[in-house]
Amino acid sequence: MEMVDANGNLLQVDSTLNSDLFFALRGAGGGSYGIITYFVFRIYRTPPQVTSMKLEFDSANMTNMNQVYKLFHAFNEVGPSLDDGIALKMKLDKRSSSITGLYLGPRTEALNAMKEFLSKAPDPSLLEFDQQTFFEAVATLSKSPDKYEVVNPVHHPNFFKAKSFIVNKGKGLTNRAIDSLVNFLNNATCETFASLDLYGGAVNNYDSSSSFIHRDALYCIQMESDWTGNEQTTGC
């Protein structure tokens, strides 16, 4: 990396030059070290086929708290032991709940890797395991109508507010906390959802050369409210 520091100096930053900054910039966050002007990224080889996953649950499940608890408890119990090749995200709003994910391998292996999770979760109303190339999966998960828009994205202004927090392994949300989360979503004055990114596995196995701190995290919860124009800002 190259970085401009507070004194206007252009610094070379790598494992041998300014190694303390290199450690901090690879995971510490905060944005207070300087302005990065140049990156070199390590590219990882992708498998020839991956599997995008989508599970949807009936809207009735959002009013049946036992079903909501069951979904969360599956996340809590099975999440930390899932295959390192799996990435999962749970999304909840006042109408529905869903899980999307990606497995780095073919469909048959993905189904086997998700078997225990599916046995503990509520029965989904939709279950899709689609074997694709990695690029096709990126387009699918980005919900882009045109897969080439992933390479040349079209940006539109949007209004939102987001807040996130970490839930550590061995805890998970209690039923009381889940009640509070669902009540908040149900009573939101504008379009609001909660997104839970499952950690564990490969995310928790960061090398010690990185300052990434969340090595015992179960998942990250992000609460987000969206609206369409300035006139709605005060209400949301």
C-alpha atoms as a PDB file:
ATOM      1  CA  MET A   1       0.000   0.000   0.000  1.00  0.00           C
ATOM      2  CA  GLU A   2       0.885   3.665  -0.280  1.00  0.00           C
ATOM      3  CA  MET A   3      -0.483   6.113   2.279  1.00  0.00           C
ATOM      4  CA  VAL A   4      -0.420   9.875   2.815  1.00  0.00           C
ATOM      5  CA  ASP A   5      -0.019  10.586   6.537  1.00  0.00           C
ATOM      6  CA  ALA A   6      -1.161  13.614   8.569  1.00  0.00           C
ATOM      7  CA  ASN A   7       2.075  15.470   7.718  1.00  0.00           C
ATOM      8  CA  GLY A   8       1.599  15.006   3.983  1.00  0.00           C
ATOM      9  CA  ASN A   9       4.282  12.338   3.638  1.00  0.00           C
ATOM     10  CA  LEU A  10       3.770   9.585   1.078  1.00  0.00           C
ATOM     11  CA  LEU A  11       4.634   6.320   2.828  1.00  0.00           C
ATOM     12  CA  GLN A  12       5.286   2.876   1.409  1.00  0.00           C
ATOM     13  CA  VAL A  13       3.442   0.420   3.643  1.00  0.00           C
ATOM     14  CA  ASP A  14       4.066  -3.333   3.565  1.00  0.00           C
ATOM     15  CA  SER A  15       5.267  -6.164   5.798  1.00  0.00           C
ATOM     16  CA  THR A  16       8.804  -4.721   5.979  1.00  0.00           C
ATOM     17  CA  LEU A  17       8.309  -0.945   5.545  1.00  0.00           C
ATOM     18  CA  ASN A  18       6.056   0.706   8.150  1.00  0.00           C
ATOM     19  CA  SER A  19       4.962  -2.756   9.212  1.00  0.00           C
ATOM     20  CA  ASP A  20       2.979  -1.394  12.189  1.00  0.00           C
ATOM     21  CA  LEU A  21       0.785   0.578   9.792  1.00  0.00           C
ATOM     22  CA  PHE A  22       0.516  -2.452   7.529  1.00  0.00           C
ATOM     23  CA  PHE A  23      -0.789  -4.479  10.487  1.00  0.00           C
ATOM     24  CA  ALA A  24      -3.282  -1.777  11.487  1.00  0.00           C
ATOM     25  CA  LEU A  25      -4.559  -1.050   7.988  1.00  0.00           C
ATOM     26  CA  ARG A  26      -5.353  -4.709   7.337  1.00  0.00           C
ATOM     27  CA  GLY A  27      -8.386  -4.965   9.576  1.00  0.00           C
ATOM     28  CA  ALA A  28      -8.336  -2.355  12.340  1.00  0.00           C
ATOM     29  CA  GLY A  29     -10.646   0.082  10.553  1.00  0.00           C
ATOM     30  CA  GLY A  30     -11.372   3.544  11.864  1.00  0.00           C
ATOM     31  CA  GLY A  31     -10.016   5.392   8.846  1.00  0.00           C
ATOM     32  CA  SER A  32      -7.775   7.551  11.044  1.00  0.00           C
ATOM     33  CA  TYR A  33      -4.309   6.456   9.909  1.00  0.00           C
ATOM     34  CA  GLY A  34      -4.107   8.413   6.679  1.00  0.00           C
ATOM     35  CA  ILE A  35      -5.299   8.388   3.076  1.00  0.00           C
ATOM     36  CA  ILE A  36      -4.569   5.215   1.120  1.00  0.00           C
ATOM     37  CA  THR A  37      -3.631   6.068  -2.451  1.00  0.00           C
ATOM     38  CA  TYR A  38      -2.541   2.654  -3.735  1.00  0.00           C
ATOM     39  CA  PHE A  39      -3.467  -0.963  -3.039  1.00  0.00           C
ATOM     40  CA  VAL A  40      -2.069  -4.296  -4.180  1.00  0.00           C
ATOM     41  CA  PHE A  41      -4.568  -7.118  -3.712  1.00  0.00           C
ATOM     42  CA  ARG A  42      -3.902 -10.834  -3.554  1.00  0.00           C
ATOM     43  CA  ILE A  43      -6.297 -12.633  -5.905  1.00  0.00           C
ATOM     44  CA  TYR A  44      -7.586 -16.028  -4.816  1.00  0.00           C
ATOM     45  CA  ARG A  45      -8.475 -18.769  -7.254  1.00  0.00           C
ATOM     46  CA  THR A  46     -12.188 -19.568  -7.373  1.00  0.00           C
ATOM     47  CA  PRO A  47     -13.541 -23.094  -7.921  1.00  0.00           C
ATOM     48  CA  PRO A  48     -14.993 -23.866 -11.361  1.00  0.00           C
ATOM     49  CA  GLN A  49     -18.486 -24.191  -9.867  1.00  0.00           C
ATOM     50  CA  VAL A  50     -20.130 -22.652  -6.799  1.00  0.00           C
ATOM     51  CA  THR A  51     -23.656 -22.934  -5.409  1.00  0.00           C
ATOM     52  CA  SER A  52     -25.836 -19.955  -4.552  1.00  0.00           C
ATOM     53  CA  MET A  53     -28.431 -20.722  -1.886  1.00  0.00           C
ATOM     54  CA  LYS A  54     -31.766 -19.108  -1.096  1.00  0.00           C
ATOM     55  CA  LEU A  55     -34.249 -20.052   1.629  1.00  0.00           C
ATOM     56  CA  GLU A  56     -37.493 -18.149   2.167  1.00  0.00           C
ATOM     57  CA  PHE A  57     -39.953 -18.538   5.011  1.00  0.00           C
ATOM     58  CA  ASP A  58     -43.681 -17.762   4.955  1.00  0.00           C
ATOM     59  CA  SER A  59     -44.755 -14.368   6.238  1.00  0.00           C
ATOM     60  CA  ALA A  60     -46.859 -16.222   8.801  1.00  0.00           C
ATOM     61  CA  ASN A  61     -43.621 -17.344  10.427  1.00  0.00           C
ATOM     62  CA  MET A  62     -42.909 -13.746  11.429  1.00  0.00           C
ATOM     63  CA  THR A  63     -46.042 -13.777  13.609  1.00  0.00           C
ATOM     64  CA  ASN A  64     -45.266 -17.237  14.982  1.00  0.00           C
ATOM     65  CA  MET A  65     -42.419 -16.450  17.329  1.00  0.00           C
ATOM     66  CA  ASN A  66     -41.639 -20.122  17.917  1.00  0.00           C
ATOM     67  CA  GLN A  67     -40.692 -20.376  14.241  1.00  0.00           C
ATOM     68  CA  VAL A  68     -38.563 -17.232  14.487  1.00  0.00           C
ATOM     69  CA  TYR A  69     -36.813 -18.624  17.581  1.00  0.00           C
ATOM     70  CA  LYS A  70     -36.187 -21.883  15.719  1.00  0.00           C
ATOM     71  CA  LEU A  71     -34.517 -20.051  12.835  1.00  0.00           C
ATOM     72  CA  PHE A  72     -32.286 -18.043  15.164  1.00  0.00           C
ATOM     73  CA  HIS A  73     -31.365 -21.078  17.242  1.00  0.00           C
ATOM     74  CA  ALA A  74     -30.339 -22.961  14.075  1.00  0.00           C
ATOM     75  CA  PHE A  75     -28.083 -20.006  13.267  1.00  0.00           C
ATOM     76  CA  ASN A  76     -26.705 -20.019  16.831  1.00  0.00           C
ATOM     77  CA  GLU A  77     -26.164 -23.775  17.152  1.00  0.00           C
ATOM     78  CA  VAL A  78     -25.042 -24.876  13.704  1.00  0.00           C
ATOM     79  CA  GLY A  79     -23.467 -21.674  12.407  1.00  0.00           C
ATOM     80  CA  PRO A  80     -20.076 -22.010  14.145  1.00  0.00           C
ATOM     81  CA  SER A  81     -19.552 -25.547  12.811  1.00  0.00           C
ATOM     82  CA  LEU A  82     -20.579 -24.987   9.202  1.00  0.00           C
ATOM     83  CA  ASP A  83     -18.145 -25.804   6.413  1.00  0.00           C
ATOM     84  CA  ASP A  84     -15.521 -23.081   5.855  1.00  0.00           C
ATOM     85  CA  GLY A  85     -16.704 -22.856   2.254  1.00  0.00           C
ATOM     86  CA  ILE A  86     -20.133 -21.518   3.270  1.00  0.00           C
ATOM     87  CA  ALA A  87     -21.180 -17.882   3.676  1.00  0.00           C
ATOM     88  CA  LEU A  88     -24.709 -17.204   4.979  1.00  0.00           C
ATOM     89  CA  LYS A  89     -26.835 -14.137   5.617  1.00  0.00           C
ATOM     90  CA  MET A  90     -30.227 -14.019   7.336  1.00  0.00           C
ATOM     91  CA  LYS A  91     -32.600 -11.133   6.593  1.00  0.00           C
ATOM     92  CA  LEU A  92     -35.737 -10.206   8.513  1.00  0.00           C
ATOM     93  CA  ASP A  93     -38.321  -7.493   8.007  1.00  0.00           C
ATOM     94  CA  LYS A  94     -41.913  -7.064   9.156  1.00  0.00           C
ATOM     95  CA  ARG A  95     -43.211  -9.292   6.349  1.00  0.00           C
ATOM     96  CA  SER A  96     -40.797 -12.168   5.981  1.00  0.00           C
ATOM     97  CA  SER A  97     -37.502 -13.838   6.750  1.00  0.00           C
ATOM     98  CA  SER A  98     -34.975 -15.346   4.362  1.00  0.00           C
ATOM     99  CA  ILE A  99     -31.467 -16.736   4.127  1.00  0.00           C
ATOM    100  CA  THR A 100     -29.105 -16.287   1.203  1.00  0.00           C
ATOM    101  CA  GLY A 101     -25.685 -17.799   0.884  1.00  0.00           C
ATOM    102  CA  LEU A 102     -22.878 -19.171  -1.209  1.00  0.00           C
ATOM    103  CA  TYR A 103     -21.032 -22.477  -1.125  1.00  0.00           C
ATOM    104  CA  LEU A 104     -17.647 -22.831  -2.824  1.00  0.00           C
ATOM    105  CA  GLY A 105     -18.365 -26.091  -4.572  1.00  0.00           C
ATOM    106  CA  PRO A 106     -21.013 -28.077  -6.483  1.00  0.00           C
ATOM    107  CA  ARG A 107     -24.674 -28.384  -5.524  1.00  0.00           C
ATOM    108  CA  THR A 108     -24.457 -31.924  -4.136  1.00  0.00           C
ATOM    109  CA  GLU A 109     -21.740 -30.884  -1.684  1.00  0.00           C
ATOM    110  CA  ALA A 110     -23.669 -27.744  -0.725  1.00  0.00           C
ATOM    111  CA  LEU A 111     -26.781 -29.774   0.139  1.00  0.00           C
ATOM    112  CA  ASN A 112     -24.715 -32.111   2.279  1.00  0.00           C
ATOM    113  CA  ALA A 113     -22.916 -29.233   4.040  1.00  0.00           C
ATOM    114  CA  MET A 114     -26.265 -27.581   4.871  1.00  0.00           C
ATOM    115  CA  LYS A 115     -28.022 -30.788   5.971  1.00  0.00           C
ATOM    116  CA  GLU A 116     -27.723 -30.226   9.734  1.00  0.00           C
ATOM    117  CA  PHE A 117     -28.735 -26.571   9.489  1.00  0.00           C
ATOM    118  CA  LEU A 118     -31.815 -27.452   7.436  1.00  0.00           C
ATOM    119  CA  SER A 119     -32.787 -30.135   9.965  1.00  0.00           C
ATOM    120  CA  LYS A 120     -32.877 -27.538  12.766  1.00  0.00           C
ATOM    121  CA  ALA A 121     -34.399 -24.586  10.885  1.00  0.00           C
ATOM    122  CA  PRO A 122     -38.140 -24.160  10.160  1.00  0.00           C
ATOM    123  CA  ASP A 123     -39.385 -25.678   6.902  1.00  0.00           C
ATOM    124  CA  PRO A 124     -38.764 -23.104   4.156  1.00  0.00           C
ATOM    125  CA  SER A 125     -41.482 -22.158   1.672  1.00  0.00           C
ATOM    126  CA  LEU A 126     -38.748 -21.785  -0.966  1.00  0.00           C
ATOM    127  CA  LEU A 127     -35.486 -23.702  -1.164  1.00  0.00           C
ATOM    128  CA  GLU A 128     -33.085 -23.044  -4.047  1.00  0.00           C
ATOM    129  CA  PHE A 129     -29.572 -24.432  -4.546  1.00  0.00           C
ATOM    130  CA  ASP A 130     -28.280 -23.231  -7.922  1.00  0.00           C
ATOM    131  CA  GLN A 131     -24.934 -24.448  -9.259  1.00  0.00           C
ATOM    132  CA  GLN A 132     -23.238 -21.624 -11.180  1.00  0.00           C
ATOM    133  CA  THR A 133     -19.932 -20.084 -12.076  1.00  0.00           C
ATOM    134  CA  PHE A 134     -18.563 -17.696  -9.464  1.00  0.00           C
ATOM    135  CA  PHE A 135     -19.357 -14.678 -11.665  1.00  0.00           C
ATOM    136  CA  GLU A 136     -22.936 -15.852 -12.192  1.00  0.00           C
ATOM    137  CA  ALA A 137     -23.314 -16.286  -8.432  1.00  0.00           C
ATOM    138  CA  VAL A 138     -22.068 -12.742  -7.787  1.00  0.00           C
ATOM    139  CA  ALA A 139     -24.691 -11.454 -10.226  1.00  0.00           C
ATOM    140  CA  THR A 140     -27.381 -13.574  -8.541  1.00  0.00           C
ATOM    141  CA  LEU A 141     -26.523 -12.409  -5.029  1.00  0.00           C
ATOM    142  CA  SER A 142     -26.307  -8.773  -6.134  1.00  0.00           C
ATOM    143  CA  LYS A 143     -29.864  -9.124  -7.508  1.00  0.00           C
ATOM    144  CA  SER A 144     -28.760  -7.403 -10.687  1.00  0.00           C
ATOM    145  CA  PRO A 145     -31.175  -7.889 -13.629  1.00  0.00           C
ATOM    146  CA  ASP A 146     -28.187  -7.687 -15.965  1.00  0.00           C
ATOM    147  CA  LYS A 147     -25.116  -9.686 -14.943  1.00  0.00           C
ATOM    148  CA  TYR A 148     -22.872  -7.262 -16.850  1.00  0.00           C
ATOM    149  CA  GLU A 149     -24.029  -4.500 -14.506  1.00  0.00           C
ATOM    150  CA  VAL A 150     -21.852  -6.202 -11.879  1.00  0.00           C
ATOM    151  CA  VAL A 151     -18.797  -5.184 -13.925  1.00  0.00           C
ATOM    152  CA  ASN A 152     -20.161  -1.744 -14.895  1.00  0.00           C
ATOM    153  CA  PRO A 153     -22.560  -0.853 -12.076  1.00  0.00           C
ATOM    154  CA  VAL A 154     -25.166   1.887 -12.393  1.00  0.00           C
ATOM    155  CA  HIS A 155     -25.334   3.967  -9.227  1.00  0.00           C
ATOM    156  CA  HIS A 156     -28.513   5.595  -7.964  1.00  0.00           C
ATOM    157  CA  PRO A 157     -28.800   7.931  -4.963  1.00  0.00           C
ATOM    158  CA  ASN A 158     -30.385   6.338  -1.921  1.00  0.00           C
ATOM    159  CA  PHE A 159     -31.172   7.360   1.621  1.00  0.00           C
ATOM    160  CA  PHE A 160     -30.518   5.072   4.557  1.00  0.00           C
ATOM    161  CA  LYS A 161     -29.312   4.810   8.121  1.00  0.00           C
ATOM    162  CA  ALA A 162     -27.553   1.700   9.429  1.00  0.00           C
ATOM    163  CA  LYS A 163     -26.268   0.506  12.782  1.00  0.00           C
ATOM    164  CA  SER A 164     -24.412  -2.740  13.406  1.00  0.00           C
ATOM    165  CA  PHE A 165     -23.230  -4.777  16.364  1.00  0.00           C
ATOM    166  CA  ILE A 166     -21.474  -8.083  16.978  1.00  0.00           C
ATOM    167  CA  VAL A 167     -22.885 -11.177  18.715  1.00  0.00           C
ATOM    168  CA  ASN A 168     -20.171 -13.499  20.011  1.00  0.00           C
ATOM    169  CA  LYS A 169     -20.065 -17.290  19.835  1.00  0.00           C
ATOM    170  CA  GLY A 170     -21.526 -19.228  22.754  1.00  0.00           C
ATOM    171  CA  LYS A 171     -24.217 -16.627  23.348  1.00  0.00           C
ATOM    172  CA  GLY A 172     -26.475 -15.803  20.456  1.00  0.00           C
ATOM    173  CA  LEU A 173     -29.593 -13.731  20.974  1.00  0.00           C
ATOM    174  CA  THR A 174     -31.956 -14.800  23.747  1.00  0.00           C
ATOM    175  CA  ASN A 175     -35.659 -15.193  23.002  1.00  0.00           C
ATOM    176  CA  ARG A 176     -36.245 -11.891  24.793  1.00  0.00           C
ATOM    177  CA  ALA A 177     -33.715 -10.154  22.543  1.00  0.00           C
ATOM    178  CA  ILE A 178     -35.314 -11.743  19.456  1.00  0.00           C
ATOM    179  CA  ASP A 179     -38.714 -10.437  20.637  1.00  0.00           C
ATOM    180  CA  SER A 180     -37.265  -6.925  20.913  1.00  0.00           C
ATOM    181  CA  LEU A 181     -35.737  -7.151  17.438  1.00  0.00           C
ATOM    182  CA  VAL A 182     -38.973  -8.349  15.812  1.00  0.00           C
ATOM    183  CA  ASN A 183     -41.045  -5.724  17.662  1.00  0.00           C
ATOM    184  CA  PHE A 184     -38.678  -3.016  16.463  1.00  0.00           C
ATOM    185  CA  LEU A 185     -39.039  -4.171  12.850  1.00  0.00           C
ATOM    186  CA  ASN A 186     -42.829  -4.432  13.120  1.00  0.00           C
ATOM    187  CA  ASN A 187     -43.169  -0.898  14.516  1.00  0.00           C
ATOM    188  CA  ALA A 188     -40.677   0.851  12.233  1.00  0.00           C
ATOM    189  CA  THR A 189     -42.065   3.964  10.526  1.00  0.00           C
ATOM    190  CA  CYS A 190     -40.237   3.316   7.249  1.00  0.00           C
ATOM    191  CA  GLU A 191     -38.762   0.367   5.342  1.00  0.00           C
ATOM    192  CA  THR A 192     -36.519  -1.345   7.900  1.00  0.00           C
ATOM    193  CA  PHE A 193     -34.784  -4.709   8.012  1.00  0.00           C
ATOM    194  CA  ALA A 194     -32.219  -6.631  10.021  1.00  0.00           C
ATOM    195  CA  SER A 195     -29.387  -8.477   8.297  1.00  0.00           C
ATOM    196  CA  LEU A 196     -27.308 -11.100  10.116  1.00  0.00           C
ATOM    197  CA  ASP A 197     -23.989 -12.038   8.507  1.00  0.00           C
ATOM    198  CA  LEU A 198     -22.807 -15.379   9.851  1.00  0.00           C
ATOM    199  CA  TYR A 199     -19.184 -15.377  10.956  1.00  0.00           C
ATOM    200  CA  GLY A 200     -17.414 -18.447  12.299  1.00  0.00           C
ATOM    201  CA  GLY A 201     -15.418 -20.776  10.087  1.00  0.00           C
ATOM    202  CA  ALA A 202     -13.038 -19.028   7.724  1.00  0.00           C
ATOM    203  CA  VAL A 203     -13.968 -15.553   9.009  1.00  0.00           C
ATOM    204  CA  ASN A 204     -12.791 -16.471  12.519  1.00  0.00           C
ATOM    205  CA  ASN A 205      -9.591 -18.059  11.197  1.00  0.00           C
ATOM    206  CA  TYR A 206      -7.860 -14.834  10.223  1.00  0.00           C
ATOM    207  CA  ASP A 207      -4.095 -15.066  10.323  1.00  0.00           C
ATOM    208  CA  SER A 208      -2.403 -13.324  13.260  1.00  0.00           C
ATOM    209  CA  SER A 209      -0.729 -10.964  10.793  1.00  0.00           C
ATOM    210  CA  SER A 210      -4.095  -9.176  10.480  1.00  0.00           C
ATOM    211  CA  SER A 211      -5.527  -6.861  13.137  1.00  0.00           C
ATOM    212  CA  PHE A 212      -9.068  -8.115  12.452  1.00  0.00           C
ATOM    213  CA  ILE A 213     -10.540  -8.253  15.960  1.00  0.00           C
ATOM    214  CA  HIS A 214     -13.765 -10.262  15.674  1.00  0.00           C
ATOM    215  CA  ARG A 215     -12.226 -13.733  15.957  1.00  0.00           C
ATOM    216  CA  ASP A 216     -14.876 -15.067  18.355  1.00  0.00           C
ATOM    217  CA  ALA A 217     -17.886 -13.585  16.590  1.00  0.00           C
ATOM    218  CA  LEU A 218     -20.966 -15.638  15.774  1.00  0.00           C
ATOM    219  CA  TYR A 219     -22.583 -13.053  13.525  1.00  0.00           C
ATOM    220  CA  CYS A 220     -22.831  -9.341  12.829  1.00  0.00           C
ATOM    221  CA  ILE A 221     -26.303  -7.803  12.972  1.00  0.00           C
ATOM    222  CA  GLN A 222     -26.981  -4.734  10.864  1.00  0.00           C
ATOM    223  CA  MET A 223     -30.168  -2.733  11.263  1.00  0.00           C
ATOM    224  CA  GLU A 224     -30.997  -0.588   8.253  1.00  0.00           C
ATOM    225  CA  SER A 225     -33.790   1.846   7.411  1.00  0.00           C
ATOM    226  CA  ASP A 226     -34.274   3.011   3.816  1.00  0.00           C
ATOM    227  CA  TRP A 227     -36.298   5.821   2.314  1.00  0.00           C
ATOM    228  CA  THR A 228     -36.666   7.413  -1.104  1.00  0.00           C
ATOM    229  CA  GLY A 229     -36.260  11.172  -0.627  1.00  0.00           C
ATOM    230  CA  ASN A 230     -35.353  14.060   1.652  1.00  0.00           C
ATOM    231  CA  GLU A 231     -38.977  14.595   2.617  1.00  0.00           C
ATOM    232  CA  GLN A 232     -38.973  11.274   4.505  1.00  0.00           C
ATOM    233  CA  THR A 233     -35.721  11.838   6.383  1.00  0.00           C
ATOM    234  CA  THR A 234     -37.253  13.275   9.568  1.00  0.00           C
ATOM    235  CA  GLY A 235     -39.863  10.528   9.887  1.00  0.00           C
ATOM    236  CA  CYS A 236     -37.313   7.751   9.495  1.00  0.00           C
END
